[in-house]
C-alpha atoms as a PDB file:
ATOM      1  CA  MET A   1      52.330  44.800  67.427  1.00  0.00           C
ATOM      2  CA  PHE A   2      49.531  46.439  65.487  1.00  0.00           C
ATOM      3  CA  VAL A   3      49.185  43.358  63.027  1.00  0.00           C
ATOM      4  CA  GLN A   4      49.122  41.009  65.946  1.00  0.00           C
ATOM      5  CA  ARG A   5      46.597  42.829  67.770  1.00  0.00           C
ATOM      6  CA  ARG A   6      44.522  43.339  64.702  1.00  0.00           C
ATOM      7  CA  ASP A   7      44.788  39.543  64.162  1.00  0.00           C
ATOM      8  CA  PHE A   8      43.719  38.899  67.531  1.00  0.00           C
ATOM      9  CA  ILE A   9      40.878  40.919  67.409  1.00  0.00           C
ATOM     10  CA  GLN A  10      39.717  39.378  63.935  1.00  0.00           C
ATOM     11  CA  ARG A  11      40.076  35.714  65.643  1.00  0.00           C
ATOM     12  CA  CYS A  12      37.827  37.029  68.334  1.00  0.00           C
ATOM     13  CA  ALA A  13      35.247  38.586  66.406  1.00  0.00           C
ATOM     14  CA  LEU A  14      35.161  35.443  64.181  1.00  0.00           C
ATOM     15  CA  ALA A  15      34.639  33.057  67.254  1.00  0.00           C
ATOM     16  CA  SER A  16      32.066  35.504  68.470  1.00  0.00           C
ATOM     17  CA  LEU A  17      30.271  35.080  65.161  1.00  0.00           C
ATOM     18  CA  THR A  18      30.528  31.289  64.816  1.00  0.00           C
ATOM     19  CA  ALA A  19      29.057  30.818  68.323  1.00  0.00           C
ATOM     20  CA  ALA A  20      25.943  33.117  67.188  1.00  0.00           C
ATOM     21  CA  LEU A  21      25.426  31.096  63.821  1.00  0.00           C
ATOM     22  CA  PRO A  22      23.329  28.176  63.301  1.00  0.00           C
ATOM     23  CA  LEU A  23      25.294  24.817  63.280  1.00  0.00           C
ATOM     24  CA  GLY A  24      24.886  24.705  59.475  1.00  0.00           C
ATOM     25  CA  ALA A  25      26.560  27.826  58.881  1.00  0.00           C
ATOM     26  CA  LEU A  26      29.619  27.325  60.994  1.00  0.00           C
ATOM     27  CA  ALA A  27      31.831  26.062  58.346  1.00  0.00           C
ATOM     28  CA  ALA A  28      30.882  28.719  55.975  1.00  0.00           C
ATOM     29  CA  ALA A  29      32.265  31.567  58.356  1.00  0.00           C
ATOM     30  CA  GLN A  30      34.870  33.437  56.716  1.00  0.00           C
ATOM     31  CA  GLY A  31      36.926  36.535  57.118  1.00  0.00           C
ATOM     32  CA  LEU A  32      37.984  39.409  54.813  1.00  0.00           C
ATOM     33  CA  ASN A  33      39.781  42.633  55.205  1.00  0.00           C
ATOM     34  CA  TYR A  34      37.908  45.717  54.081  1.00  0.00           C
ATOM     35  CA  GLY A  35      39.490  49.255  53.356  1.00  0.00           C
ATOM     36  CA  GLY A  36      37.010  51.963  54.463  1.00  0.00           C
ATOM     37  CA  SER A  37      36.601  55.439  55.512  1.00  0.00           C
ATOM     38  CA  ALA A  38      33.645  57.960  56.554  1.00  0.00           C
ATOM     39  CA  TRP A  39      33.146  58.807  52.713  1.00  0.00           C
ATOM     40  CA  LEU A  40      29.752  57.823  51.638  1.00  0.00           C
ATOM     41  CA  GLY A  41      31.040  55.292  49.260  1.00  0.00           C
ATOM     42  CA  HIS A  42      31.767  52.959  52.216  1.00  0.00           C
ATOM     43  CA  TYR A  43      28.175  53.510  53.535  1.00  0.00           C
ATOM     44  CA  PRO A  44      27.010  49.850  52.141  1.00  0.00           C
ATOM     45  CA  ALA A  45      30.118  48.028  53.445  1.00  0.00           C
ATOM     46  CA  TYR A  46      29.687  49.600  56.896  1.00  0.00           C
ATOM     47  CA  LEU A  47      25.799  49.007  56.977  1.00  0.00           C
ATOM     48  CA  ALA A  48      26.091  45.446  55.743  1.00  0.00           C
ATOM     49  CA  MET A  49      28.357  44.856  58.915  1.00  0.00           C
ATOM     50  CA  SER A  50      26.557  46.997  61.723  1.00  0.00           C
ATOM     51  CA  GLU A  51      23.220  45.774  60.336  1.00  0.00           C
ATOM     52  CA  GLY A  52      24.020  42.078  60.536  1.00  0.00           C
ATOM     53  CA  TYR A  53      23.673  41.504  56.763  1.00  0.00           C
ATOM     54  CA  LEU A  54      27.212  39.930  56.560  1.00  0.00           C
ATOM     55  CA  LYS A  55      26.954  38.058  59.778  1.00  0.00           C
ATOM     56  CA  GLU A  56      23.866  36.361  58.400  1.00  0.00           C
ATOM     57  CA  ALA A  57      25.868  35.420  55.338  1.00  0.00           C
ATOM     58  CA  GLY A  58      28.852  33.982  57.495  1.00  0.00           C
ATOM     59  CA  ILE A  59      31.216  36.754  56.944  1.00  0.00           C
ATOM     60  CA  VAL A  60      33.499  38.542  59.260  1.00  0.00           C
ATOM     61  CA  GLN A  61      34.582  41.875  58.095  1.00  0.00           C
ATOM     62  CA  ASP A  62      37.664  43.507  59.523  1.00  0.00           C
ATOM     63  CA  TRP A  63      37.105  47.126  58.957  1.00  0.00           C
ATOM     64  CA  GLN A  64      40.400  49.092  58.334  1.00  0.00           C
ATOM     65  CA  MET A  65      40.261  52.813  58.022  1.00  0.00           C
ATOM     66  CA  PHE A  66      42.274  54.721  55.806  1.00  0.00           C
ATOM     67  CA  GLY A  67      42.650  58.514  55.076  1.00  0.00           C
ATOM     68  CA  THR A  68      42.953  58.576  51.381  1.00  0.00           C
ATOM     69  CA  SER A  69      42.168  56.337  48.387  1.00  0.00           C
ATOM     70  CA  SER A  70      45.648  56.111  47.387  1.00  0.00           C
ATOM     71  CA  ALA A  71      46.671  54.533  50.836  1.00  0.00           C
ATOM     72  CA  ARG A  72      43.729  52.241  50.613  1.00  0.00           C
ATOM     73  CA  MET A  73      44.747  51.099  47.309  1.00  0.00           C
ATOM     74  CA  SER A  74      48.556  50.517  48.381  1.00  0.00           C
ATOM     75  CA  ALA A  75      47.000  48.143  51.040  1.00  0.00           C
ATOM     76  CA  VAL A  76      45.097  46.175  48.207  1.00  0.00           C
ATOM     77  CA  MET A  77      48.271  46.105  46.138  1.00  0.00           C
ATOM     78  CA  SER A  78      50.280  44.754  49.380  1.00  0.00           C
ATOM     79  CA  GLY A  79      47.677  41.973  50.199  1.00  0.00           C
ATOM     80  CA  GLY A  80      46.558  44.059  53.489  1.00  0.00           C
ATOM     81  CA  VAL A  81      43.060  44.661  52.192  1.00  0.00           C
ATOM     82  CA  ASP A  82      40.754  42.150  50.122  1.00  0.00           C
ATOM     83  CA  ILE A  83      37.983  44.226  49.409  1.00  0.00           C
ATOM     84  CA  ALA A  84      37.628  48.111  49.255  1.00  0.00           C
ATOM     85  CA  CYS A  85      35.582  51.121  47.714  1.00  0.00           C
ATOM     86  CA  THR A  86      38.073  53.379  46.286  1.00  0.00           C
ATOM     87  CA  GLY A  87      37.759  56.399  44.235  1.00  0.00           C
ATOM     88  CA  ILE A  88      38.430  55.405  40.485  1.00  0.00           C
ATOM     89  CA  VAL A  89      41.321  58.228  40.349  1.00  0.00           C
ATOM     90  CA  SER A  90      44.019  56.117  42.503  1.00  0.00           C
ATOM     91  CA  ALA A  91      42.825  53.068  40.755  1.00  0.00           C
ATOM     92  CA  LEU A  92      43.323  54.561  37.173  1.00  0.00           C
ATOM     93  CA  ALA A  93      46.723  55.731  38.324  1.00  0.00           C
ATOM     94  CA  LEU A  94      47.854  52.227  39.372  1.00  0.00           C
ATOM     95  CA  MET A  95      46.077  50.636  36.121  1.00  0.00           C
ATOM     96  CA  SER A  96      47.990  53.342  33.774  1.00  0.00           C
ATOM     97  CA  ARG A  97      51.126  51.769  35.322  1.00  0.00           C
ATOM     98  CA  GLY A  98      49.956  48.042  34.280  1.00  0.00           C
ATOM     99  CA  ALA A  99      49.099  46.861  37.866  1.00  0.00           C
ATOM    100  CA  ARG A 100      46.916  43.933  37.775  1.00  0.00           C
ATOM    101  CA  HIS A 101      46.573  42.991  41.328  1.00  0.00           C
ATOM    102  CA  PHE A 102      42.643  43.997  41.656  1.00  0.00           C
ATOM    103  CA  SER A 103      39.690  43.872  39.627  1.00  0.00           C
ATOM    104  CA  ILE A 104      36.540  46.353  39.677  1.00  0.00           C
ATOM    105  CA  ILE A 105      33.427  44.170  40.604  1.00  0.00           C
ATOM    106  CA  ALA A 106      30.803  46.783  41.159  1.00  0.00           C
ATOM    107  CA  ILE A 107      29.762  50.255  41.189  1.00  0.00           C
ATOM    108  CA  PRO A 108      28.231  51.355  44.542  1.00  0.00           C
ATOM    109  CA  GLU A 109      26.524  54.799  43.627  1.00  0.00           C
ATOM    110  CA  ASN A 110      26.442  57.823  41.564  1.00  0.00           C
ATOM    111  CA  PHE A 111      26.882  61.125  43.520  1.00  0.00           C
ATOM    112  CA  GLY A 112      26.840  64.584  41.958  1.00  0.00           C
ATOM    113  CA  ARG A 113      25.937  67.078  44.688  1.00  0.00           C
ATOM    114  CA  VAL A 114      28.292  65.972  47.751  1.00  0.00           C
ATOM    115  CA  GLU A 115      31.329  67.600  46.168  1.00  0.00           C
ATOM    116  CA  GLY A 116      32.219  70.982  44.659  1.00  0.00           C
ATOM    117  CA  ILE A 117      33.723  74.458  44.639  1.00  0.00           C
ATOM    118  CA  VAL A 118      32.983  76.898  47.284  1.00  0.00           C
ATOM    119  CA  ALA A 119      33.821  80.539  47.148  1.00  0.00           C
ATOM    120  CA  ARG A 120      34.168  83.180  49.952  1.00  0.00           C
ATOM    121  CA  ASN A 121      32.394  86.572  49.952  1.00  0.00           C
ATOM    122  CA  GLY A 122      32.226  88.526  46.757  1.00  0.00           C
ATOM    123  CA  ILE A 123      33.045  85.543  44.474  1.00  0.00           C
ATOM    124  CA  LYS A 124      29.908  84.767  42.691  1.00  0.00           C
ATOM    125  CA  SER A 125      30.964  82.840  39.444  1.00  0.00           C
ATOM    126  CA  ILE A 126      33.718  80.580  38.171  1.00  0.00           C
ATOM    127  CA  ALA A 127      34.693  83.772  36.210  1.00  0.00           C
ATOM    128  CA  ASP A 128      35.365  85.646  39.696  1.00  0.00           C
ATOM    129  CA  LEU A 129      38.076  83.176  40.465  1.00  0.00           C
ATOM    130  CA  LYS A 130      40.602  84.804  38.246  1.00  0.00           C
ATOM    131  CA  GLY A 131      43.623  86.152  40.371  1.00  0.00           C
ATOM    132  CA  LYS A 132      42.134  84.107  43.344  1.00  0.00           C
ATOM    133  CA  LYS A 133      43.641  81.356  45.584  1.00  0.00           C
ATOM    134  CA  LEU A 134      41.763  78.220  45.213  1.00  0.00           C
ATOM    135  CA  GLY A 135      42.635  75.027  47.719  1.00  0.00           C
ATOM    136  CA  VAL A 136      42.112  71.583  46.744  1.00  0.00           C
ATOM    137  CA  THR A 137      43.687  68.062  47.422  1.00  0.00           C
ATOM    138  CA  PHE A 138      45.829  67.258  44.671  1.00  0.00           C
ATOM    139  CA  ALA A 139      45.271  64.042  42.476  1.00  0.00           C
ATOM    140  CA  SER A 140      41.570  63.687  43.990  1.00  0.00           C
ATOM    141  CA  SER A 141      38.278  63.937  42.373  1.00  0.00           C
ATOM    142  CA  ALA A 142      37.760  67.485  43.378  1.00  0.00           C
ATOM    143  CA  HIS A 143      41.173  68.381  41.796  1.00  0.00           C
ATOM    144  CA  LEU A 144      39.874  67.255  38.359  1.00  0.00           C
ATOM    145  CA  LEU A 145      36.717  68.875  38.703  1.00  0.00           C
ATOM    146  CA  VAL A 146      38.730  72.210  39.207  1.00  0.00           C
ATOM    147  CA  LEU A 147      40.756  71.343  36.420  1.00  0.00           C
ATOM    148  CA  ASP A 148      37.834  70.525  34.042  1.00  0.00           C
ATOM    149  CA  VAL A 149      35.722  73.695  35.078  1.00  0.00           C
ATOM    150  CA  LEU A 150      38.584  76.234  34.697  1.00  0.00           C
ATOM    151  CA  ASP A 151      39.500  74.666  31.329  1.00  0.00           C
ATOM    152  CA  ARG A 152      35.811  74.712  29.934  1.00  0.00           C
ATOM    153  CA  ALA A 153      35.801  78.372  31.347  1.00  0.00           C
ATOM    154  CA  GLY A 154      38.534  79.305  29.236  1.00  0.00           C
ATOM    155  CA  PHE A 155      41.197  79.759  31.887  1.00  0.00           C
ATOM    156  CA  LYS A 156      44.891  79.792  31.436  1.00  0.00           C
ATOM    157  CA  PRO A 157      47.223  77.889  33.763  1.00  0.00           C
ATOM    158  CA  ASN A 158      48.080  80.746  35.720  1.00  0.00           C
ATOM    159  CA  ASP A 159      44.752  82.835  36.025  1.00  0.00           C
ATOM    160  CA  VAL A 160      44.232  80.788  39.446  1.00  0.00           C
ATOM    161  CA  THR A 161      46.712  79.984  42.037  1.00  0.00           C
ATOM    162  CA  VAL A 162      45.456  76.289  42.767  1.00  0.00           C
ATOM    163  CA  LEU A 163      46.979  75.139  46.054  1.00  0.00           C
ATOM    164  CA  ASN A 164      47.468  71.684  47.483  1.00  0.00           C
ATOM    165  CA  VAL A 165      45.607  71.521  50.650  1.00  0.00           C
ATOM    166  CA  PRO A 166      44.757  68.301  52.660  1.00  0.00           C
ATOM    167  CA  ALA A 167      41.179  67.860  52.705  1.00  0.00           C
ATOM    168  CA  PRO A 168      40.792  67.913  56.449  1.00  0.00           C
ATOM    169  CA  GLU A 169      42.320  71.352  56.480  1.00  0.00           C
ATOM    170  CA  LEU A 170      40.396  72.906  53.869  1.00  0.00           C
ATOM    171  CA  PRO A 171      37.463  74.366  56.152  1.00  0.00           C
ATOM    172  CA  ALA A 172      39.791  76.037  58.393  1.00  0.00           C
ATOM    173  CA  ALA A 173      41.670  77.516  55.377  1.00  0.00           C
ATOM    174  CA  MET A 174      38.619  78.992  54.196  1.00  0.00           C
ATOM    175  CA  GLN A 175      37.530  80.314  57.315  1.00  0.00           C
ATOM    176  CA  SER A 176      40.667  81.955  57.978  1.00  0.00           C
ATOM    177  CA  GLY A 177      41.042  83.465  54.531  1.00  0.00           C
ATOM    178  CA  GLN A 178      44.290  81.722  53.515  1.00  0.00           C
ATOM    179  CA  ILE A 179      42.392  80.689  50.421  1.00  0.00           C
ATOM    180  CA  ASP A 180      39.488  82.431  48.686  1.00  0.00           C
ATOM    181  CA  ALA A 181      37.890  79.017  47.195  1.00  0.00           C
ATOM    182  CA  ALA A 182      38.002  75.515  47.946  1.00  0.00           C
ATOM    183  CA  ALA A 183      37.224  72.299  46.226  1.00  0.00           C
ATOM    184  CA  ALA A 184      36.228  69.463  48.551  1.00  0.00           C
ATOM    185  CA  TRP A 185      33.987  66.380  49.172  1.00  0.00           C
ATOM    186  CA  THR A 186      31.531  65.459  52.152  1.00  0.00           C
ATOM    187  CA  PRO A 187      32.167  65.825  54.993  1.00  0.00           C
ATOM    188  CA  GLN A 188      34.643  69.118  54.627  1.00  0.00           C
ATOM    189  CA  PHE A 189      32.220  70.061  51.795  1.00  0.00           C
ATOM    190  CA  ASP A 190      29.193  70.470  54.085  1.00  0.00           C
ATOM    191  CA  SER A 191      31.371  72.253  56.764  1.00  0.00           C
ATOM    192  CA  ILE A 192      32.459  74.756  54.197  1.00  0.00           C
ATOM    193  CA  LEU A 193      28.893  75.385  53.140  1.00  0.00           C
ATOM    194  CA  ARG A 194      27.880  76.237  56.560  1.00  0.00           C
ATOM    195  CA  GLN A 195      30.462  79.238  56.620  1.00  0.00           C
ATOM    196  CA  SER A 196      29.003  82.702  56.629  1.00  0.00           C
ATOM    197  CA  GLY A 197      28.640  84.371  53.306  1.00  0.00           C
ATOM    198  CA  VAL A 198      29.899  81.458  51.047  1.00  0.00           C
ATOM    199  CA  THR A 199      28.626  80.728  47.590  1.00  0.00           C
ATOM    200  CA  LEU A 200      28.516  77.144  45.774  1.00  0.00           C
ATOM    201  CA  LEU A 201      30.203  77.818  42.259  1.00  0.00           C
ATOM    202  CA  ALA A 202      29.879  74.279  40.953  1.00  0.00           C
ATOM    203  CA  ASP A 203      29.164  70.926  42.169  1.00  0.00           C
ATOM    204  CA  ASP A 204      29.871  67.655  40.196  1.00  0.00           C
ATOM    205  CA  THR A 205      27.017  67.792  38.063  1.00  0.00           C
ATOM    206  CA  ARG A 206      28.939  70.390  36.338  1.00  0.00           C
ATOM    207  CA  PHE A 207      31.711  68.222  35.509  1.00  0.00           C
ATOM    208  CA  SER A 208      31.863  67.426  31.628  1.00  0.00           C
ATOM    209  CA  LEU A 209      31.434  63.822  31.842  1.00  0.00           C
ATOM    210  CA  TYR A 210      28.594  63.844  34.230  1.00  0.00           C
ATOM    211  CA  GLU A 211      26.655  65.958  31.710  1.00  0.00           C
ATOM    212  CA  SER A 212      27.280  63.299  28.920  1.00  0.00           C
ATOM    213  CA  HIS A 213      27.720  59.960  30.862  1.00  0.00           C
ATOM    214  CA  LYS A 214      26.593  60.682  34.514  1.00  0.00           C
ATOM    215  CA  VAL A 215      30.215  60.149  35.277  1.00  0.00           C
ATOM    216  CA  THR A 216      31.646  62.273  38.297  1.00  0.00           C
ATOM    217  CA  PRO A 217      35.030  63.277  38.315  1.00  0.00           C
ATOM    218  CA  GLY A 218      36.202  60.504  40.947  1.00  0.00           C
ATOM    219  CA  PRO A 219      33.137  57.878  40.882  1.00  0.00           C
ATOM    220  CA  ASP A 220      33.493  55.323  43.221  1.00  0.00           C
ATOM    221  CA  VAL A 221      34.338  51.514  42.367  1.00  0.00           C
ATOM    222  CA  LEU A 222      34.343  48.538  44.452  1.00  0.00           C
ATOM    223  CA  VAL A 223      37.468  46.440  43.886  1.00  0.00           C
ATOM    224  CA  VAL A 224      38.607  43.170  44.939  1.00  0.00           C
ATOM    225  CA  ARG A 225      42.261  41.726  45.257  1.00  0.00           C
ATOM    226  CA  LYS A 226      42.572  39.232  42.373  1.00  0.00           C
ATOM    227  CA  ALA A 227      44.471  36.699  44.400  1.00  0.00           C
ATOM    228  CA  PHE A 228      41.782  36.705  47.192  1.00  0.00           C
ATOM    229  CA  ALA A 229      38.941  36.421  44.732  1.00  0.00           C
ATOM    230  CA  GLN A 230      40.354  33.719  42.770  1.00  0.00           C
ATOM    231  CA  LYS A 231      40.687  31.677  45.954  1.00  0.00           C
ATOM    232  CA  ASN A 232      37.368  32.614  47.229  1.00  0.00           C
ATOM    233  CA  PRO A 233      34.678  33.262  44.615  1.00  0.00           C
ATOM    234  CA  ALA A 234      31.778  32.061  46.499  1.00  0.00           C
ATOM    235  CA  LEU A 235      32.641  34.554  49.372  1.00  0.00           C
ATOM    236  CA  VAL A 236      32.925  37.240  47.064  1.00  0.00           C
ATOM    237  CA  LYS A 237      29.538  36.557  45.674  1.00  0.00           C
ATOM    238  CA  ALA A 238      27.865  36.407  48.984  1.00  0.00           C
ATOM    239  CA  TYR A 239      29.605  39.566  50.105  1.00  0.00           C
ATOM    240  CA  LEU A 240      28.173  41.377  47.141  1.00  0.00           C
ATOM    241  CA  LYS A 241      24.626  40.091  47.930  1.00  0.00           C
ATOM    242  CA  ALA A 242      24.760  41.355  51.504  1.00  0.00           C
ATOM    243  CA  TYR A 243      26.667  44.512  50.438  1.00  0.00           C
ATOM    244  CA  PHE A 244      23.785  45.621  48.096  1.00  0.00           C
ATOM    245  CA  ARG A 245      21.302  44.736  50.373  1.00  0.00           C
ATOM    246  CA  ALA A 246      22.733  47.371  52.502  1.00  0.00           C
ATOM    247  CA  SER A 247      22.490  49.874  49.500  1.00  0.00           C
ATOM    248  CA  GLU A 248      18.588  49.092  49.384  1.00  0.00           C
ATOM    249  CA  LEU A 249      18.491  50.174  52.951  1.00  0.00           C
ATOM    250  CA  LEU A 250      20.005  53.352  51.898  1.00  0.00           C
ATOM    251  CA  ARG A 251      17.740  53.631  49.048  1.00  0.00           C
ATOM    252  CA  ASP A 252      14.559  52.703  50.483  1.00  0.00           C
ATOM    253  CA  LYS A 253      15.186  53.710  54.275  1.00  0.00           C
ATOM    254  CA  PRO A 254      17.358  56.776  54.213  1.00  0.00           C
ATOM    255  CA  GLU A 255      16.206  57.843  57.950  1.00  0.00           C
ATOM    256  CA  GLU A 256      16.957  54.249  59.274  1.00  0.00           C
ATOM    257  CA  ALA A 257      20.395  53.987  57.320  1.00  0.00           C
ATOM    258  CA  ALA A 258      21.544  57.539  58.456  1.00  0.00           C
ATOM    259  CA  ARG A 259      20.927  56.832  62.202  1.00  0.00           C
ATOM    260  CA  ALA A 260      23.160  53.711  61.976  1.00  0.00           C
ATOM    261  CA  LEU A 261      25.806  55.614  59.827  1.00  0.00           C
ATOM    262  CA  SER A 262      26.154  58.288  62.734  1.00  0.00           C
ATOM    263  CA  LYS A 263      28.734  56.082  64.600  1.00  0.00           C
ATOM    264  CA  LEU A 264      31.065  56.035  61.600  1.00  0.00           C
ATOM    265  CA  THR A 265      30.648  59.754  60.240  1.00  0.00           C
ATOM    266  CA  GLN A 266      30.126  61.460  63.310  1.00  0.00           C
ATOM    267  CA  LEU A 267      28.103  63.949  61.214  1.00  0.00           C
ATOM    268  CA  PRO A 268      25.001  66.155  62.362  1.00  0.00           C
ATOM    269  CA  ALA A 269      21.702  64.601  61.911  1.00  0.00           C
ATOM    270  CA  GLU A 270      20.937  66.920  59.118  1.00  0.00           C
ATOM    271  CA  ASP A 271      24.250  66.435  57.134  1.00  0.00           C
ATOM    272  CA  GLN A 272      24.080  62.650  57.528  1.00  0.00           C
ATOM    273  CA  MET A 273      20.983  62.775  55.799  1.00  0.00           C
ATOM    274  CA  ALA A 274      21.802  64.987  53.085  1.00  0.00           C
ATOM    275  CA  SER A 275      24.783  62.781  52.331  1.00  0.00           C
ATOM    276  CA  VAL A 276      22.546  59.632  52.230  1.00  0.00           C
ATOM    277  CA  LYS A 277      20.279  61.408  49.984  1.00  0.00           C
ATOM    278  CA  GLY A 278      22.745  63.211  47.864  1.00  0.00           C
ATOM    279  CA  ALA A 279      23.820  59.737  46.050  1.00  0.00           C
ATOM    280  CA  GLU A 280      21.748  57.475  43.786  1.00  0.00           C
ATOM    281  CA  TRP A 281      22.222  53.815  45.407  1.00  0.00           C
ATOM    282  CA  TYR A 282      22.562  51.341  42.635  1.00  0.00           C
ATOM    283  CA  THR A 283      21.313  47.743  43.452  1.00  0.00           C
ATOM    284  CA  LEU A 284      22.693  44.347  42.558  1.00  0.00           C
ATOM    285  CA  ALA A 285      20.322  43.860  39.589  1.00  0.00           C
ATOM    286  CA  GLN A 286      21.576  47.049  38.041  1.00  0.00           C
ATOM    287  CA  GLN A 287      25.289  45.834  38.166  1.00  0.00           C
ATOM    288  CA  ALA A 288      25.695  44.129  34.612  1.00  0.00           C
ATOM    289  CA  GLN A 289      24.066  46.830  32.883  1.00  0.00           C
ATOM    290  CA  ILE A 290      26.226  49.451  34.540  1.00  0.00           C
ATOM    291  CA  LEU A 291      29.576  47.457  33.854  1.00  0.00           C
ATOM    292  CA  GLN A 292      28.971  46.263  30.628  1.00  0.00           C
ATOM    293  CA  GLY A 293      27.076  49.463  29.299  1.00  0.00           C
ATOM    294  CA  PRO A 294      27.662  53.291  28.569  1.00  0.00           C
ATOM    295  CA  TYR A 295      28.734  53.890  31.880  1.00  0.00           C
ATOM    296  CA  MET A 296      32.044  52.199  30.973  1.00  0.00           C
ATOM    297  CA  GLU A 297      32.426  54.242  28.260  1.00  0.00           C
ATOM    298  CA  GLY A 298      32.462  57.235  30.607  1.00  0.00           C
ATOM    299  CA  LEU A 299      34.914  55.699  32.799  1.00  0.00           C
ATOM    300  CA  GLN A 300      37.405  55.256  29.460  1.00  0.00           C
ATOM    301  CA  LYS A 301      36.765  58.892  28.509  1.00  0.00           C
ATOM    302  CA  LEU A 302      37.348  59.935  32.428  1.00  0.00           C
ATOM    303  CA  ALA A 303      40.871  58.075  31.869  1.00  0.00           C
ATOM    304  CA  ASP A 304      41.424  59.920  28.665  1.00  0.00           C
ATOM    305  CA  LEU A 305      40.355  63.225  30.541  1.00  0.00           C
ATOM    306  CA  LEU A 306      43.009  62.500  33.343  1.00  0.00           C
ATOM    307  CA  VAL A 307      45.858  62.079  30.561  1.00  0.00           C
ATOM    308  CA  LYS A 308      44.830  65.304  29.022  1.00  0.00           C
ATOM    309  CA  HIS A 309      45.180  67.328  32.450  1.00  0.00           C
ATOM    310  CA  LYS A 310      48.489  65.169  33.119  1.00  0.00           C
ATOM    311  CA  GLN A 311      47.090  63.359  36.072  1.00  0.00           C
ATOM    312  CA  ILE A 312      48.198  60.307  34.592  1.00  0.00           C
ATOM    313  CA  ASP A 313      50.955  59.328  32.002  1.00  0.00           C
ATOM    314  CA  LYS A 314      48.606  56.953  29.608  1.00  0.00           C
ATOM    315  CA  ALA A 315      45.003  55.874  29.727  1.00  0.00           C
ATOM    316  CA  PRO A 316      44.240  52.156  30.654  1.00  0.00           C
ATOM    317  CA  VAL A 317      41.698  50.008  28.965  1.00  0.00           C
ATOM    318  CA  VAL A 318      39.305  50.175  31.613  1.00  0.00           C
ATOM    319  CA  LYS A 319      37.204  47.246  30.592  1.00  0.00           C
ATOM    320  CA  ASP A 320      40.480  45.032  31.022  1.00  0.00           C
ATOM    321  CA  TRP A 321      40.028  45.454  34.646  1.00  0.00           C
ATOM    322  CA  ILE A 322      36.241  44.603  34.968  1.00  0.00           C
ATOM    323  CA  ASP A 323      34.917  41.441  36.256  1.00  0.00           C
ATOM    324  CA  ALA A 324      31.327  41.016  36.397  1.00  0.00           C
ATOM    325  CA  SER A 325      31.369  37.372  37.273  1.00  0.00           C
ATOM    326  CA  PHE A 326      30.567  37.809  40.830  1.00  0.00           C
ATOM    327  CA  ILE A 327      27.110  39.723  40.169  1.00  0.00           C
ATOM    328  CA  GLY A 328      25.321  36.967  38.851  1.00  0.00           C
ATOM    329  CA  ALA A 329      22.787  34.311  40.612  1.00  0.00           C
END
């Protein structure tokens, strides 16, 4: 029933779009399924849709919400999602097992201050975490930040009790005292920071690969389902142009972008602005250098680090999943 209803809505949306397009663009109107959430990595895709950039390009985007990157990538693997932004950790997990259903086609942004480790009263440094309980969502970018920071601080495995707590539950767990510290990303990160007496111990700028390669623990990547891209190369190129037009809005007019995003995120205006300004929004013109330069070396080192911390079994050759063919003229 859900699939039938979704298909009905998508067909109605396509009909509405084609009615509004110039006659010459009617034949070009095409649809795709996007896997999203309220996380900042999805801001360009949402704005491209809400601000009409995709409509101008003759593209209908069916927005599908997912609670986790792993669920989103499962939908890509099964064919339910065509294009998605995802934290690379979930993609690397699939790549390490040889999955070839998708390609990385762009890097949306670089964030370093919208995810971190926050502690309750009396804990003022990473060293103070010894003997404490720290909550984090396992197999996430925040989890890798915790493992990396604790390892570099010389902690042994049992020095801190690290508990698996779903991201939406972290603010309440901190507020009630069930945990002494939490590692989270926005919007839960912002919610925890607003609690009385907390201290920010580390954000993603403390991650080892951020210092050397500007790579966060779980950088966002834009992926496309290979079968979809092979059938619709022109559509993917047009999509990226509209997508990065939205990225320029985020970079150049953050106040305007933040107002448009409030419907998606439901964040207070101040937090929404902080989220937008907390990321460096890349442009289409920057993609060739990013996808073929030192940043890719950083992603490979990230895969190696995931093996070290036993998050994946083996490191894939990341460049084998890169497809830069859609970013040209």
